[in-house]
């Protein structure tokens, strides 16, 4: 089932670039965190690249990172590749299909200095989130970090009426998905030997900065 989201039906340029409004809105605050947390040089794996807007903008801004975009949906690769070509960034690799909810996916991506994941956890089920976390733990280099951005529950509650309404709309479409509770996420990551720093972001979102303990 295809979820109805705010970016559904996003405008697409003649060259195949899809323009997702949410990606445009959150790009600047996410990039600010990346500038602070990313190494000067290294390998970055972006999970669920979606339209490809972030990959194009961030790879240009951070030329020392070998940026690998990916998405579970092969149909998204057209837009991601179009954004890559438009950016001209030599450090931005062609996109690949990657299902980060598959068992043991991280074994094929070991040695990542940075993993970026934006607005995915609330769109997948708890068992799939657990597979994402297990793969991140396997894929990170010893000094690597993962940055996970999105909305979360706090103590089981949404932090705004808008978040509560969006969470309810997701669960109405698929009862297995919806916002994940921050404490539960932290417990899952701790069980994998990962620490978390939590940074507030605009619009009640959070950035989780994840590292090996």
Protein backbone atom coordinates (compact mmCIF):
# COMPACT_ATOMS: atom_id res chain seq x y z
CA UNK A 1 0.00 0.00 0.00
CA UNK A 2 1.28 3.45 -0.94
CA UNK A 3 1.10 5.86 1.99
CA UNK A 4 -0.49 9.28 1.57
CA UNK A 5 2.15 11.76 2.73
CA UNK A 6 2.62 15.52 2.48
CA UNK A 7 5.09 15.03 -0.40
CA UNK A 8 2.83 12.67 -2.37
CA UNK A 9 2.45 14.00 -5.89
CA UNK A 10 5.50 16.23 -5.62
CA UNK A 11 6.39 18.26 -8.71
CA UNK A 12 8.88 16.66 -11.09
CA UNK A 13 11.16 18.65 -13.42
CA UNK A 14 11.52 17.76 -17.08
CA UNK A 15 14.92 16.19 -16.32
CA UNK A 16 13.38 13.80 -13.77
CA UNK A 17 14.19 15.65 -10.53
CA UNK A 18 11.37 15.32 -8.02
CA UNK A 19 10.92 18.33 -5.72
CA UNK A 20 9.78 17.20 -2.25
CA UNK A 21 8.70 20.20 -0.14
CA UNK A 22 9.67 18.55 3.16
CA UNK A 23 13.21 17.90 1.90
CA UNK A 24 13.56 21.56 0.96
CA UNK A 25 12.28 22.69 4.36
CA UNK A 26 14.55 20.55 6.52
CA UNK A 27 17.73 20.69 4.42
CA UNK A 28 19.35 23.66 6.17
CA UNK A 29 19.03 22.40 9.77
CA UNK A 30 20.15 18.91 8.78
CA UNK A 31 23.15 20.28 6.92
CA UNK A 32 24.10 22.34 9.97
CA UNK A 33 24.33 19.14 12.02
CA UNK A 34 26.24 17.37 9.27
CA UNK A 35 28.82 20.16 9.12
CA UNK A 36 29.39 19.74 12.85
CA UNK A 37 29.36 15.95 13.09
CA UNK A 38 30.81 14.71 9.80
CA UNK A 39 34.52 13.98 9.39
CA UNK A 40 36.45 16.11 6.93
CA UNK A 41 36.82 13.02 4.77
CA UNK A 42 35.17 9.63 4.80
CA UNK A 43 32.46 7.32 3.51
CA UNK A 44 28.82 8.28 3.95
CA UNK A 45 25.84 6.02 3.29
CA UNK A 46 22.48 7.73 2.94
CA UNK A 47 19.53 5.41 3.55
CA UNK A 48 16.12 6.19 2.02
CA UNK A 49 17.39 9.04 -0.16
CA UNK A 50 13.88 9.60 -1.57
CA UNK A 51 13.88 12.42 -4.11
CA UNK A 52 17.67 12.83 -3.97
CA UNK A 53 17.52 16.53 -3.08
CA UNK A 54 19.45 16.11 0.15
CA UNK A 55 22.16 14.00 -1.47
CA UNK A 56 22.77 16.61 -4.15
CA UNK A 57 22.83 19.61 -1.81
CA UNK A 58 24.82 17.99 0.98
CA UNK A 59 27.43 16.34 -1.26
CA UNK A 60 28.22 19.74 -2.79
CA UNK A 61 28.49 21.32 0.66
CA UNK A 62 30.68 18.50 2.04
CA UNK A 63 33.10 17.63 -0.78
CA UNK A 64 35.34 15.47 1.41
CA UNK A 65 32.63 12.86 1.89
CA UNK A 66 32.29 9.95 -0.52
CA UNK A 67 28.48 10.09 -0.63
CA UNK A 68 26.46 6.97 -1.47
CA UNK A 69 22.71 7.55 -1.88
CA UNK A 70 20.31 4.61 -1.75
CA UNK A 71 16.62 3.78 -1.63
CA UNK A 72 14.49 0.67 -1.26
CA UNK A 73 12.22 1.79 -4.12
CA UNK A 74 13.88 1.40 -7.55
CA UNK A 75 11.47 4.00 -8.94
CA UNK A 76 13.15 6.67 -6.78
CA UNK A 77 16.55 6.13 -8.39
CA UNK A 78 15.53 8.14 -11.47
CA UNK A 79 15.04 11.31 -9.42
CA UNK A 80 18.13 10.68 -7.26
CA UNK A 81 20.28 10.22 -10.36
CA UNK A 82 18.82 13.33 -11.98
CA UNK A 83 19.67 15.39 -8.90
CA UNK A 84 23.18 13.85 -8.90
CA UNK A 85 23.78 14.87 -12.50
CA UNK A 86 22.40 18.36 -11.92
CA UNK A 87 24.64 18.85 -8.89
CA UNK A 88 27.86 18.03 -10.72
CA UNK A 89 29.32 16.82 -7.42
CA UNK A 90 32.22 14.44 -8.15
CA UNK A 91 31.91 12.89 -4.67
CA UNK A 92 28.25 11.89 -5.18
CA UNK A 93 27.95 8.30 -6.35
CA UNK A 94 25.16 6.90 -8.53
CA UNK A 95 22.26 5.67 -6.36
CA UNK A 96 21.75 2.01 -5.50
CA UNK A 97 18.80 -0.05 -4.33
CA UNK A 98 19.16 -0.86 -0.63
CA UNK A 99 16.57 -2.36 1.72
CA UNK A 100 17.79 -1.33 5.16
CA UNK A 101 15.03 -3.43 6.75
CA UNK A 102 16.45 -6.67 5.33
CA UNK A 103 18.28 -9.04 7.68
CA UNK A 104 22.05 -8.53 7.83
CA UNK A 105 22.07 -5.69 5.30
CA UNK A 106 24.79 -3.92 7.27
CA UNK A 107 27.30 -6.71 6.62
CA UNK A 108 27.58 -5.55 3.01
CA UNK A 109 28.19 -1.94 4.02
CA UNK A 110 30.81 -2.18 6.74
CA UNK A 111 33.25 0.63 7.39
CA UNK A 112 30.91 3.61 7.05
CA UNK A 113 32.15 6.80 8.68
CA UNK A 114 28.68 8.31 8.61
CA UNK A 115 25.17 7.00 7.97
CA UNK A 116 22.32 9.43 7.32
CA UNK A 117 18.65 8.49 7.64
CA UNK A 118 15.91 11.12 7.29
CA UNK A 119 12.19 10.66 7.94
CA UNK A 120 11.92 6.88 7.72
CA UNK A 121 11.33 5.34 11.16
CA UNK A 122 7.72 6.53 11.47
CA UNK A 123 6.93 5.00 8.06
CA UNK A 124 7.95 1.43 8.89
CA UNK A 125 6.97 -1.17 11.49
CA UNK A 126 8.79 -1.90 14.76
CA UNK A 127 10.38 -5.15 13.47
CA UNK A 128 11.68 -3.27 10.44
CA UNK A 129 13.10 -0.48 12.61
CA UNK A 130 14.93 -3.12 14.62
CA UNK A 131 16.52 -4.44 11.40
CA UNK A 132 17.57 -0.89 10.46
CA UNK A 133 19.29 -0.47 13.82
CA UNK A 134 21.01 -3.86 13.62
CA UNK A 135 22.35 -3.00 10.19
CA UNK A 136 23.60 0.39 11.34
CA UNK A 137 25.48 -1.27 14.21
CA UNK A 138 27.16 -3.62 11.73
CA UNK A 139 27.90 -0.98 9.08
CA UNK A 140 29.46 1.74 11.23
CA UNK A 141 33.22 1.95 11.48
CA UNK A 142 34.54 1.95 15.08
CA UNK A 143 34.65 5.77 15.10
CA UNK A 144 31.64 6.21 12.81
CA UNK A 145 28.35 7.97 13.54
CA UNK A 146 24.78 7.62 12.35
CA UNK A 147 22.44 10.60 12.12
CA UNK A 148 18.73 9.78 12.30
CA UNK A 149 16.31 12.65 11.76
CA UNK A 150 12.56 12.67 12.21
CA UNK A 151 9.58 12.92 14.55
CA UNK A 152 9.36 10.90 17.75
CA UNK A 153 7.00 10.37 20.66
CA UNK A 154 8.21 11.43 24.10
CA UNK A 155 6.93 9.27 26.95
CA UNK A 156 4.42 7.80 24.54
CA UNK A 157 2.94 11.17 23.58
CA UNK A 158 3.18 13.41 20.54
CA UNK A 159 4.55 16.87 21.28
CA UNK A 160 2.07 18.87 19.21
CA UNK A 161 -1.44 18.61 17.83
CA UNK A 162 0.00 18.45 14.33
CA UNK A 163 2.25 15.53 15.23
CA UNK A 164 -0.62 13.72 16.94
CA UNK A 165 -2.78 14.15 13.83
CA UNK A 166 -0.03 12.98 11.46
CA UNK A 167 0.75 9.96 13.65
CA UNK A 168 -2.95 9.06 13.73
CA UNK A 169 -3.21 9.39 9.95
CA UNK A 170 -0.26 7.03 9.48
CA UNK A 171 -1.71 4.43 11.84
CA UNK A 172 -5.09 4.70 10.10
CA UNK A 173 -3.40 3.78 6.82
CA UNK A 174 -1.28 1.00 8.36
CA UNK A 175 -1.66 0.01 12.02
CA UNK A 176 1.90 -1.35 12.14
CA UNK A 177 3.58 2.02 11.52
CA UNK A 178 3.62 5.44 13.20
CA UNK A 179 5.86 7.51 15.44
CA UNK A 180 8.36 5.59 17.59
CA UNK A 181 8.96 6.52 21.22
CA UNK A 182 12.34 8.11 21.90
CA UNK A 183 12.98 6.04 25.03
CA UNK A 184 12.25 2.81 23.15
CA UNK A 185 14.65 3.85 20.36
CA UNK A 186 17.38 4.64 22.88
CA UNK A 187 16.89 1.25 24.58
CA UNK A 188 17.11 -0.59 21.26
CA UNK A 189 20.32 1.18 20.30
CA UNK A 190 21.86 0.65 23.75
CA UNK A 191 21.25 -3.06 23.36
CA UNK A 192 23.38 -2.96 20.22
CA UNK A 193 26.25 -1.17 21.96
CA UNK A 194 25.35 2.23 20.56
CA UNK A 195 25.10 5.53 22.42
CA UNK A 196 22.80 8.39 21.46
CA UNK A 197 22.92 12.16 21.73
CA UNK A 198 19.59 13.84 21.12
CA UNK A 199 19.45 17.25 19.45
CA UNK A 200 16.17 19.20 19.11
CA UNK A 201 15.38 20.29 15.55
CA UNK A 202 12.76 22.62 14.04
CA UNK A 203 9.09 21.58 13.86
CA UNK A 204 9.35 19.28 16.90
CA UNK A 205 11.71 16.90 15.12
CA UNK A 206 14.85 15.39 16.62
CA UNK A 207 18.28 14.46 15.34
CA UNK A 208 19.69 11.34 16.97
CA UNK A 209 23.49 11.29 16.83
CA UNK A 210 24.47 7.65 17.25
CA UNK A 211 27.94 6.30 18.00
CA UNK A 212 29.72 3.17 19.22
CA UNK A 213 30.12 3.01 22.97
